[in-house]
Amino acid sequence: MKTQHRLYQRRAISRAGVDNPDNWPRWDIYNEPQNEGGPNPYYDVDYLPVVVETDLTPVVYGGGGIEWQDVSGNALTTDEAETQGRLTIQDAS
């Protein structure tokens, strides 16, 4: 049985023209919007409300991020859960 969770997706889009080795978008799921500690010189960062539907249990780890746990206690990342078809993410709007 799948359950819906209202969470936040961190969307960090690299700024055009910035040459940085960390120049890649991140699509992380968080329990609540995080304090970025000021403007980010490499990314435009936003936290958007999303609905996550899954048969897994969200587990909040240090820094407010989410990992997922199955009934056997195995931990999965959001990417792993999506790849296995056990998790979908939709905008909450």
PDB file of N, CA and C in Angstrom:
ATOM      1  N   MET A   1       0.843  -1.181   0.000  1.00  0.00           N
ATOM      2  CA  MET A   1       0.000   0.000   0.000  1.00  0.00           C
ATOM      3  C   MET A   1       0.890   1.247   0.000  1.00  0.00           C
ATOM      4  N   LYS A   2       0.612   2.152  -0.924  1.00  0.00           N
ATOM      5  CA  LYS A   2       1.419   3.368  -1.018  1.00  0.00           C
ATOM      6  C   LYS A   2       0.794   4.496  -0.206  1.00  0.00           C
ATOM      7  N   THR A   3       1.661   5.304   0.378  1.00  0.00           N
ATOM      8  CA  THR A   3       1.259   6.443   1.198  1.00  0.00           C
ATOM      9  C   THR A   3       1.805   7.714   0.564  1.00  0.00           C
ATOM     10  N   GLN A   4       1.065   8.816   0.716  1.00  0.00           N
ATOM     11  CA  GLN A   4       1.537  10.105   0.220  1.00  0.00           C
ATOM     12  C   GLN A   4       2.171  10.897   1.353  1.00  0.00           C
ATOM     13  N   HIS A   5       3.312  11.518   1.051  1.00  0.00           N
ATOM     14  CA  HIS A   5       4.026  12.362   2.006  1.00  0.00           C
ATOM     15  C   HIS A   5       4.229  13.732   1.366  1.00  0.00           C
ATOM     16  N   ARG A   6       3.944  14.792   2.119  1.00  0.00           N
ATOM     17  CA  ARG A   6       4.199  16.155   1.636  1.00  0.00           C
ATOM     18  C   ARG A   6       5.583  16.567   2.133  1.00  0.00           C
ATOM     19  N   LEU A   7       6.510  16.730   1.180  1.00  0.00           N
ATOM     20  CA  LEU A   7       7.903  17.038   1.497  1.00  0.00           C
ATOM     21  C   LEU A   7       8.369  18.189   0.618  1.00  0.00           C
ATOM     22  N   TYR A   8       9.668  18.449   0.613  1.00  0.00           N
ATOM     23  CA  TYR A   8      10.244  19.537  -0.181  1.00  0.00           C
ATOM     24  C   TYR A   8      11.377  19.002  -1.044  1.00  0.00           C
ATOM     25  N   GLN A   9      11.390  19.452  -2.283  1.00  0.00           N
ATOM     26  CA  GLN A   9      12.439  19.055  -3.208  1.00  0.00           C
ATOM     27  C   GLN A   9      13.374  20.240  -3.422  1.00  0.00           C
ATOM     28  N   ARG A  10      14.654  20.005  -3.155  1.00  0.00           N
ATOM     29  CA  ARG A  10      15.661  21.055  -3.359  1.00  0.00           C
ATOM     30  C   ARG A  10      16.035  21.052  -4.825  1.00  0.00           C
ATOM     31  N   ARG A  11      15.789  22.163  -5.465  1.00  0.00           N
ATOM     32  CA  ARG A  11      16.144  22.294  -6.872  1.00  0.00           C
ATOM     33  C   ARG A  11      17.235  23.343  -6.978  1.00  0.00           C
ATOM     34  N   ALA A  12      18.405  22.895  -7.334  1.00  0.00           N
ATOM     35  CA  ALA A  12      19.557  23.784  -7.475  1.00  0.00           C
ATOM     36  C   ALA A  12      19.999  23.743  -8.928  1.00  0.00           C
ATOM     37  N   ILE A  13      19.796  24.838  -9.620  1.00  0.00           N
ATOM     38  CA  ILE A  13      20.137  24.925 -11.035  1.00  0.00           C
ATOM     39  C   ILE A  13      21.388  25.788 -11.168  1.00  0.00           C
ATOM     40  N   SER A  14      22.388  25.260 -11.873  1.00  0.00           N
ATOM     41  CA  SER A  14      23.642  26.002 -12.004  1.00  0.00           C
ATOM     42  C   SER A  14      23.403  27.319 -12.730  1.00  0.00           C
ATOM     43  N   ARG A  15      24.134  28.326 -12.299  1.00  0.00           N
ATOM     44  CA  ARG A  15      24.018  29.645 -12.920  1.00  0.00           C
ATOM     45  C   ARG A  15      24.790  29.647 -14.232  1.00  0.00           C
ATOM     46  N   ALA A  16      24.212  30.229 -15.245  1.00  0.00           N
ATOM     47  CA  ALA A  16      24.830  30.243 -16.575  1.00  0.00           C
ATOM     48  C   ALA A  16      26.195  30.913 -16.522  1.00  0.00           C
ATOM     49  N   GLY A  17      27.155  30.306 -17.189  1.00  0.00           N
ATOM     50  CA  GLY A  17      28.476  30.899 -17.314  1.00  0.00           C
ATOM     51  C   GLY A  17      29.403  30.666 -16.145  1.00  0.00           C
ATOM     52  N   VAL A  18      28.941  29.997 -15.097  1.00  0.00           N
ATOM     53  CA  VAL A  18      29.799  29.759 -13.939  1.00  0.00           C
ATOM     54  C   VAL A  18      30.563  28.460 -14.167  1.00  0.00           C
ATOM     55  N   ASP A  19      31.890  28.541 -14.155  1.00  0.00           N
ATOM     56  CA  ASP A  19      32.725  27.365 -14.341  1.00  0.00           C
ATOM     57  C   ASP A  19      33.086  26.811 -12.974  1.00  0.00           C
ATOM     58  N   ASN A  20      32.443  25.736 -12.606  1.00  0.00           N
ATOM     59  CA  ASN A  20      32.629  25.166 -11.280  1.00  0.00           C
ATOM     60  C   ASN A  20      32.561  23.647 -11.394  1.00  0.00           C
ATOM     61  N   PRO A  21      33.472  22.910 -10.744  1.00  0.00           N
ATOM     62  CA  PRO A  21      33.426  21.446 -10.850  1.00  0.00           C
ATOM     63  C   PRO A  21      32.142  20.836 -10.289  1.00  0.00           C
ATOM     64  N   ASP A  22      31.443  21.564  -9.437  1.00  0.00           N
ATOM     65  CA  ASP A  22      30.181  21.067  -8.884  1.00  0.00           C
ATOM     66  C   ASP A  22      28.985  21.548  -9.696  1.00  0.00           C
ATOM     67  N   ASN A  23      29.185  21.829 -10.965  1.00  0.00           N
ATOM     68  CA  ASN A  23      28.163  22.411 -11.829  1.00  0.00           C
ATOM     69  C   ASN A  23      27.148  21.364 -12.289  1.00  0.00           C
ATOM     70  N   TRP A  24      26.331  20.880 -11.405  1.00  0.00           N
ATOM     71  CA  TRP A  24      25.293  19.919 -11.766  1.00  0.00           C
ATOM     72  C   TRP A  24      24.062  20.167 -10.909  1.00  0.00           C
ATOM     73  N   PRO A  25      22.867  19.906 -11.460  1.00  0.00           N
ATOM     74  CA  PRO A  25      21.648  20.130 -10.667  1.00  0.00           C
ATOM     75  C   PRO A  25      21.471  19.045  -9.617  1.00  0.00           C
ATOM     76  N   ARG A  26      20.946  19.420  -8.472  1.00  0.00           N
ATOM     77  CA  ARG A  26      20.645  18.460  -7.409  1.00  0.00           C
ATOM     78  C   ARG A  26      19.142  18.437  -7.194  1.00  0.00           C
ATOM     79  N   TRP A  27      18.609  17.264  -6.986  1.00  0.00           N
ATOM     80  CA  TRP A  27      17.169  17.089  -6.818  1.00  0.00           C
ATOM     81  C   TRP A  27      16.917  16.294  -5.550  1.00  0.00           C
ATOM     82  N   ASP A  28      17.282  16.839  -4.434  1.00  0.00           N
ATOM     83  CA  ASP A  28      17.180  16.142  -3.158  1.00  0.00           C
ATOM     84  C   ASP A  28      15.827  16.400  -2.495  1.00  0.00           C
ATOM     85  N   ILE A  29      15.378  15.440  -1.679  1.00  0.00           N
ATOM     86  CA  ILE A  29      14.123  15.552  -0.942  1.00  0.00           C
ATOM     87  C   ILE A  29      14.434  15.849   0.523  1.00  0.00           C
ATOM     88  N   TYR A  30      13.708  16.823   1.084  1.00  0.00           N
ATOM     89  CA  TYR A  30      13.916  17.234   2.473  1.00  0.00           C
ATOM     90  C   TYR A  30      12.589  17.272   3.221  1.00  0.00           C
ATOM     91  N   ASN A  31      12.687  17.146   4.536  1.00  0.00           N
ATOM     92  CA  ASN A  31      11.528  17.217   5.411  1.00  0.00           C
ATOM     93  C   ASN A  31      10.961  18.635   5.456  1.00  0.00           C
ATOM     94  N   GLU A  32      11.828  19.624   5.373  1.00  0.00           N
ATOM     95  CA  GLU A  32      11.434  21.039   5.377  1.00  0.00           C
ATOM     96  C   GLU A  32      12.509  21.832   4.650  1.00  0.00           C
ATOM     97  N   PRO A  33      12.194  23.054   4.178  1.00  0.00           N
ATOM     98  CA  PRO A  33      13.215  23.865   3.514  1.00  0.00           C
ATOM     99  C   PRO A  33      14.417  24.083   4.434  1.00  0.00           C
ATOM    100  N   GLN A  34      15.598  24.064   3.850  1.00  0.00           N
ATOM    101  CA  GLN A  34      16.832  24.186   4.617  1.00  0.00           C
ATOM    102  C   GLN A  34      17.377  25.609   4.549  1.00  0.00           C
ATOM    103  N   ASN A  35      18.092  26.003   5.574  1.00  0.00           N
ATOM    104  CA  ASN A  35      18.785  27.284   5.586  1.00  0.00           C
ATOM    105  C   ASN A  35      20.075  27.103   4.799  1.00  0.00           C
ATOM    106  N   GLU A  36      20.171  27.761   3.674  1.00  0.00           N
ATOM    107  CA  GLU A  36      21.336  27.616   2.806  1.00  0.00           C
ATOM    108  C   GLU A  36      22.540  28.412   3.309  1.00  0.00           C
ATOM    109  N   GLY A  37      22.352  29.230   4.341  1.00  0.00           N
ATOM    110  CA  GLY A  37      23.472  29.989   4.889  1.00  0.00           C
ATOM    111  C   GLY A  37      23.888  31.167   4.027  1.00  0.00           C
ATOM    112  N   GLY A  38      22.974  31.720   3.283  1.00  0.00           N
ATOM    113  CA  GLY A  38      23.273  32.878   2.443  1.00  0.00           C
ATOM    114  C   GLY A  38      23.200  32.521   0.967  1.00  0.00           C
ATOM    115  N   PRO A  39      23.431  33.504   0.109  1.00  0.00           N
ATOM    116  CA  PRO A  39      23.347  33.266  -1.336  1.00  0.00           C
ATOM    117  C   PRO A  39      24.383  32.233  -1.788  1.00  0.00           C
ATOM    118  N   ASN A  40      23.995  31.380  -2.698  1.00  0.00           N
ATOM    119  CA  ASN A  40      24.891  30.372  -3.246  1.00  0.00           C
ATOM    120  C   ASN A  40      25.539  30.942  -4.506  1.00  0.00           C
ATOM    121  N   PRO A  41      26.878  30.993  -4.567  1.00  0.00           N
ATOM    122  CA  PRO A  41      27.532  31.597  -5.728  1.00  0.00           C
ATOM    123  C   PRO A  41      27.454  30.738  -6.989  1.00  0.00           C
ATOM    124  N   TYR A  42      27.103  29.476  -6.873  1.00  0.00           N
ATOM    125  CA  TYR A  42      27.117  28.575  -8.018  1.00  0.00           C
ATOM    126  C   TYR A  42      25.741  28.149  -8.509  1.00  0.00           C
ATOM    127  N   TYR A  43      24.728  28.210  -7.638  1.00  0.00           N
ATOM    128  CA  TYR A  43      23.404  27.708  -7.981  1.00  0.00           C
ATOM    129  C   TYR A  43      22.314  28.685  -7.582  1.00  0.00           C
ATOM    130  N   ASP A  44      21.217  28.649  -8.319  1.00  0.00           N
ATOM    131  CA  ASP A  44      19.972  29.260  -7.881  1.00  0.00           C
ATOM    132  C   ASP A  44      19.207  28.143  -7.177  1.00  0.00           C
ATOM    133  N   VAL A  45      18.986  28.298  -5.866  1.00  0.00           N
ATOM    134  CA  VAL A  45      18.406  27.234  -5.053  1.00  0.00           C
ATOM    135  C   VAL A  45      16.987  27.603  -4.637  1.00  0.00           C
ATOM    136  N   ASP A  46      16.084  26.617  -4.721  1.00  0.00           N
ATOM    137  CA  ASP A  46      14.716  26.808  -4.277  1.00  0.00           C
ATOM    138  C   ASP A  46      14.221  25.491  -3.678  1.00  0.00           C
ATOM    139  N   TYR A  47      13.315  25.578  -2.727  1.00  0.00           N
ATOM    140  CA  TYR A  47      12.685  24.395  -2.134  1.00  0.00           C
ATOM    141  C   TYR A  47      11.216  24.414  -2.515  1.00  0.00           C
ATOM    142  N   LEU A  48      10.797  23.435  -3.284  1.00  0.00           N
ATOM    143  CA  LEU A  48       9.433  23.396  -3.776  1.00  0.00           C
ATOM    144  C   LEU A  48       8.653  22.283  -3.091  1.00  0.00           C
ATOM    145  N   PRO A  49       7.401  22.557  -2.684  1.00  0.00           N
ATOM    146  CA  PRO A  49       6.599  21.506  -2.059  1.00  0.00           C
ATOM    147  C   PRO A  49       6.247  20.425  -3.084  1.00  0.00           C
ATOM    148  N   VAL A  50       6.391  19.178  -2.667  1.00  0.00           N
ATOM    149  CA  VAL A  50       6.076  18.046  -3.529  1.00  0.00           C
ATOM    150  C   VAL A  50       5.278  17.009  -2.746  1.00  0.00           C
ATOM    151  N   VAL A  51       4.614  16.145  -3.490  1.00  0.00           N
ATOM    152  CA  VAL A  51       3.935  14.993  -2.910  1.00  0.00           C
ATOM    153  C   VAL A  51       4.699  13.759  -3.379  1.00  0.00           C
ATOM    154  N   VAL A  52       5.159  12.980  -2.412  1.00  0.00           N
ATOM    155  CA  VAL A  52       5.876  11.744  -2.712  1.00  0.00           C
ATOM    156  C   VAL A  52       4.952  10.583  -2.370  1.00  0.00           C
ATOM    157  N   GLU A  53       4.731   9.714  -3.355  1.00  0.00           N
ATOM    158  CA  GLU A  53       3.902   8.534  -3.117  1.00  0.00           C
ATOM    159  C   GLU A  53       4.805   7.306  -3.135  1.00  0.00           C
ATOM    160  N   THR A  54       4.772   6.537  -2.048  1.00  0.00           N
ATOM    161  CA  THR A  54       5.680   5.405  -1.917  1.00  0.00           C
ATOM    162  C   THR A  54       5.157   4.383  -0.920  1.00  0.00           C
ATOM    163  N   ASP A  55       5.695   3.168  -1.022  1.00  0.00           N
ATOM    164  CA  ASP A  55       5.420   2.139  -0.024  1.00  0.00           C
ATOM    165  C   ASP A  55       6.541   2.087   1.010  1.00  0.00           C
ATOM    166  N   LEU A  56       7.480   3.021   0.929  1.00  0.00           N
ATOM    167  CA  LEU A  56       8.626   3.088   1.836  1.00  0.00           C
ATOM    168  C   LEU A  56       8.372   4.097   2.950  1.00  0.00           C
ATOM    169  N   THR A  57       9.167   4.017   4.004  1.00  0.00           N
ATOM    170  CA  THR A  57       9.063   4.943   5.129  1.00  0.00           C
ATOM    171  C   THR A  57      10.148   6.002   5.008  1.00  0.00           C
ATOM    172  N   PRO A  58       9.779   7.300   5.062  1.00  0.00           N
ATOM    173  CA  PRO A  58      10.818   8.335   5.022  1.00  0.00           C
ATOM    174  C   PRO A  58      11.582   8.385   6.340  1.00  0.00           C
ATOM    175  N   VAL A  59      12.892   8.499   6.247  1.00  0.00           N
ATOM    176  CA  VAL A  59      13.754   8.611   7.418  1.00  0.00           C
ATOM    177  C   VAL A  59      14.577   9.881   7.251  1.00  0.00           C
ATOM    178  N   VAL A  60      14.453  10.805   8.212  1.00  0.00           N
ATOM    179  CA  VAL A  60      15.188  12.066   8.145  1.00  0.00           C
ATOM    180  C   VAL A  60      16.585  11.841   8.709  1.00  0.00           C
ATOM    181  N   TYR A  61      17.606  12.225   7.947  1.00  0.00           N
ATOM    182  CA  TYR A  61      18.973  12.109   8.437  1.00  0.00           C
ATOM    183  C   TYR A  61      19.535  13.495   8.703  1.00  0.00           C
ATOM    184  N   GLY A  62      20.726  13.572   9.252  1.00  0.00           N
ATOM    185  CA  GLY A  62      21.351  14.854   9.585  1.00  0.00           C
ATOM    186  C   GLY A  62      21.329  15.796   8.404  1.00  0.00           C
ATOM    187  N   GLY A  63      20.999  17.046   8.653  1.00  0.00           N
ATOM    188  CA  GLY A  63      20.894  18.026   7.590  1.00  0.00           C
ATOM    189  C   GLY A  63      19.495  18.112   7.010  1.00  0.00           C
ATOM    190  N   GLY A  64      18.557  17.301   7.510  1.00  0.00           N
ATOM    191  CA  GLY A  64      17.169  17.401   7.084  1.00  0.00           C
ATOM    192  C   GLY A  64      16.806  16.621   5.843  1.00  0.00           C
ATOM    193  N   GLY A  65      17.775  15.960   5.219  1.00  0.00           N
ATOM    194  CA  GLY A  65      17.486  15.185   4.020  1.00  0.00           C
ATOM    195  C   GLY A  65      16.713  13.916   4.344  1.00  0.00           C
ATOM    196  N   ILE A  66      16.166  13.304   3.305  1.00  0.00           N
ATOM    197  CA  ILE A  66      15.338  12.108   3.462  1.00  0.00           C
ATOM    198  C   ILE A  66      15.999  10.929   2.757  1.00  0.00           C
ATOM    199  N   GLU A  67      16.024   9.806   3.442  1.00  0.00           N
ATOM    200  CA  GLU A  67      16.291   8.517   2.818  1.00  0.00           C
ATOM    201  C   GLU A  67      15.035   7.688   3.027  1.00  0.00           C
ATOM    202  N   TRP A  68      14.978   6.534   2.393  1.00  0.00           N
ATOM    203  CA  TRP A  68      13.777   5.708   2.431  1.00  0.00           C
ATOM    204  C   TRP A  68      14.124   4.338   2.973  1.00  0.00           C
ATOM    205  N   GLN A  69      13.203   3.753   3.717  1.00  0.00           N
ATOM    206  CA  GLN A  69      13.455   2.461   4.340  1.00  0.00           C
ATOM    207  C   GLN A  69      12.290   1.516   4.050  1.00  0.00           C
ATOM    208  N   ASP A  70      12.631   0.275   3.666  1.00  0.00           N
ATOM    209  CA  ASP A  70      11.574  -0.707   3.447  1.00  0.00           C
ATOM    210  C   ASP A  70      11.257  -1.439   4.747  1.00  0.00           C
ATOM    211  N   VAL A  71      10.293  -2.353   4.709  1.00  0.00           N
ATOM    212  CA  VAL A  71       9.850  -3.031   5.932  1.00  0.00           C
ATOM    213  C   VAL A  71      10.937  -3.905   6.544  1.00  0.00           C
ATOM    214  N   SER A  72      11.937  -4.284   5.757  1.00  0.00           N
ATOM    215  CA  SER A  72      13.050  -5.090   6.274  1.00  0.00           C
ATOM    216  C   SER A  72      14.163  -4.240   6.866  1.00  0.00           C
ATOM    217  N   GLY A  73      14.020  -2.905   6.768  1.00  0.00           N
ATOM    218  CA  GLY A  73      15.033  -2.005   7.308  1.00  0.00           C
ATOM    219  C   GLY A  73      16.112  -1.615   6.322  1.00  0.00           C
ATOM    220  N   ASN A  74      15.973  -2.016   5.055  1.00  0.00           N
ATOM    221  CA  ASN A  74      16.951  -1.648   4.034  1.00  0.00           C
ATOM    222  C   ASN A  74      16.756  -0.195   3.627  1.00  0.00           C
ATOM    223  N   ALA A  75      17.844   0.559   3.574  1.00  0.00           N
ATOM    224  CA  ALA A  75      17.785   1.978   3.207  1.00  0.00           C
ATOM    225  C   ALA A  75      17.982   2.139   1.703  1.00  0.00           C
ATOM    226  N   LEU A  76      17.215   3.064   1.129  1.00  0.00           N
ATOM    227  CA  LEU A  76      17.339   3.390  -0.285  1.00  0.00           C
ATOM    228  C   LEU A  76      17.410   4.901  -0.436  1.00  0.00           C
ATOM    229  N   THR A  77      18.151   5.346  -1.439  1.00  0.00           N
ATOM    230  CA  THR A  77      18.130   6.762  -1.784  1.00  0.00           C
ATOM    231  C   THR A  77      16.866   7.022  -2.600  1.00  0.00           C
ATOM    232  N   THR A  78      16.550   8.286  -2.799  1.00  0.00           N
ATOM    233  CA  THR A  78      15.400   8.635  -3.633  1.00  0.00           C
ATOM    234  C   THR A  78      15.586   8.082  -5.036  1.00  0.00           C
ATOM    235  N   ASP A  79      16.794   8.223  -5.598  1.00  0.00           N
ATOM    236  CA  ASP A  79      17.068   7.722  -6.947  1.00  0.00           C
ATOM    237  C   ASP A  79      16.857   6.214  -7.038  1.00  0.00           C
ATOM    238  N   GLU A  80      17.355   5.471  -6.047  1.00  0.00           N
ATOM    239  CA  GLU A  80      17.188   4.012  -6.050  1.00  0.00           C
ATOM    240  C   GLU A  80      15.713   3.628  -5.978  1.00  0.00           C
ATOM    241  N   ALA A  81      14.964   4.299  -5.110  1.00  0.00           N
ATOM    242  CA  ALA A  81      13.537   3.997  -4.957  1.00  0.00           C
ATOM    243  C   ALA A  81      12.770   4.305  -6.242  1.00  0.00           C
ATOM    244  N   GLU A  82      13.119   5.415  -6.911  1.00  0.00           N
ATOM    245  CA  GLU A  82      12.467   5.754  -8.181  1.00  0.00           C
ATOM    246  C   GLU A  82      12.793   4.721  -9.250  1.00  0.00           C
ATOM    247  N   THR A  83      14.063   4.324  -9.324  1.00  0.00           N
ATOM    248  CA  THR A  83      14.491   3.341 -10.315  1.00  0.00           C
ATOM    249  C   THR A  83      13.753   2.020 -10.132  1.00  0.00           C
ATOM    250  N   GLN A  84      13.503   1.640  -8.892  1.00  0.00           N
ATOM    251  CA  GLN A  84      12.789   0.396  -8.592  1.00  0.00           C
ATOM    252  C   GLN A  84      11.271   0.531  -8.747  1.00  0.00           C
ATOM    253  N   GLY A  85      10.787   1.737  -9.067  1.00  0.00           N
ATOM    254  CA  GLY A  85       9.355   1.958  -9.227  1.00  0.00           C
ATOM    255  C   GLY A  85       8.594   1.999  -7.916  1.00  0.00           C
ATOM    256  N   ARG A  86       9.295   2.265  -6.827  1.00  0.00           N
ATOM    257  CA  ARG A  86       8.661   2.259  -5.507  1.00  0.00           C
ATOM    258  C   ARG A  86       8.338   3.659  -5.007  1.00  0.00           C
ATOM    259  N   LEU A  87       8.637   4.684  -5.811  1.00  0.00           N
ATOM    260  CA  LEU A  87       8.459   6.060  -5.361  1.00  0.00           C
ATOM    261  C   LEU A  87       8.193   6.949  -6.567  1.00  0.00           C
ATOM    262  N   THR A  88       7.203   7.836  -6.446  1.00  0.00           N
ATOM    263  CA  THR A  88       6.952   8.854  -7.464  1.00  0.00           C
ATOM    264  C   THR A  88       6.896  10.213  -6.785  1.00  0.00           C
ATOM    265  N   ILE A  89       7.334  11.236  -7.515  1.00  0.00           N
ATOM    266  CA  ILE A  89       7.351  12.606  -6.996  1.00  0.00           C
ATOM    267  C   ILE A  89       6.519  13.476  -7.929  1.00  0.00           C
ATOM    268  N   GLN A  90       5.592  14.239  -7.335  1.00  0.00           N
ATOM    269  CA  GLN A  90       4.761  15.165  -8.100  1.00  0.00           C
ATOM    270  C   GLN A  90       4.777  16.522  -7.415  1.00  0.00           C
ATOM    271  N   ASP A  91       4.700  17.592  -8.216  1.00  0.00           N
ATOM    272  CA  ASP A  91       4.578  18.924  -7.632  1.00  0.00           C
ATOM    273  C   ASP A  91       3.304  18.992  -6.805  1.00  0.00           C
ATOM    274  N   ALA A  92       3.365  19.693  -5.684  1.00  0.00           N
ATOM    275  CA  ALA A  92       2.212  19.789  -4.782  1.00  0.00           C
ATOM    276  C   ALA A  92       1.217  20.851  -5.217  1.00  0.00           C
ATOM    277  N   SER A  93       1.527  21.593  -6.258  1.00  0.00           N
ATOM    278  CA  SER A  93       0.628  22.676  -6.672  1.00  0.00           C
ATOM    279  C   SER A  93      -0.588  22.188  -7.403  1.00  0.00           C
TER     280      SER A  93
END
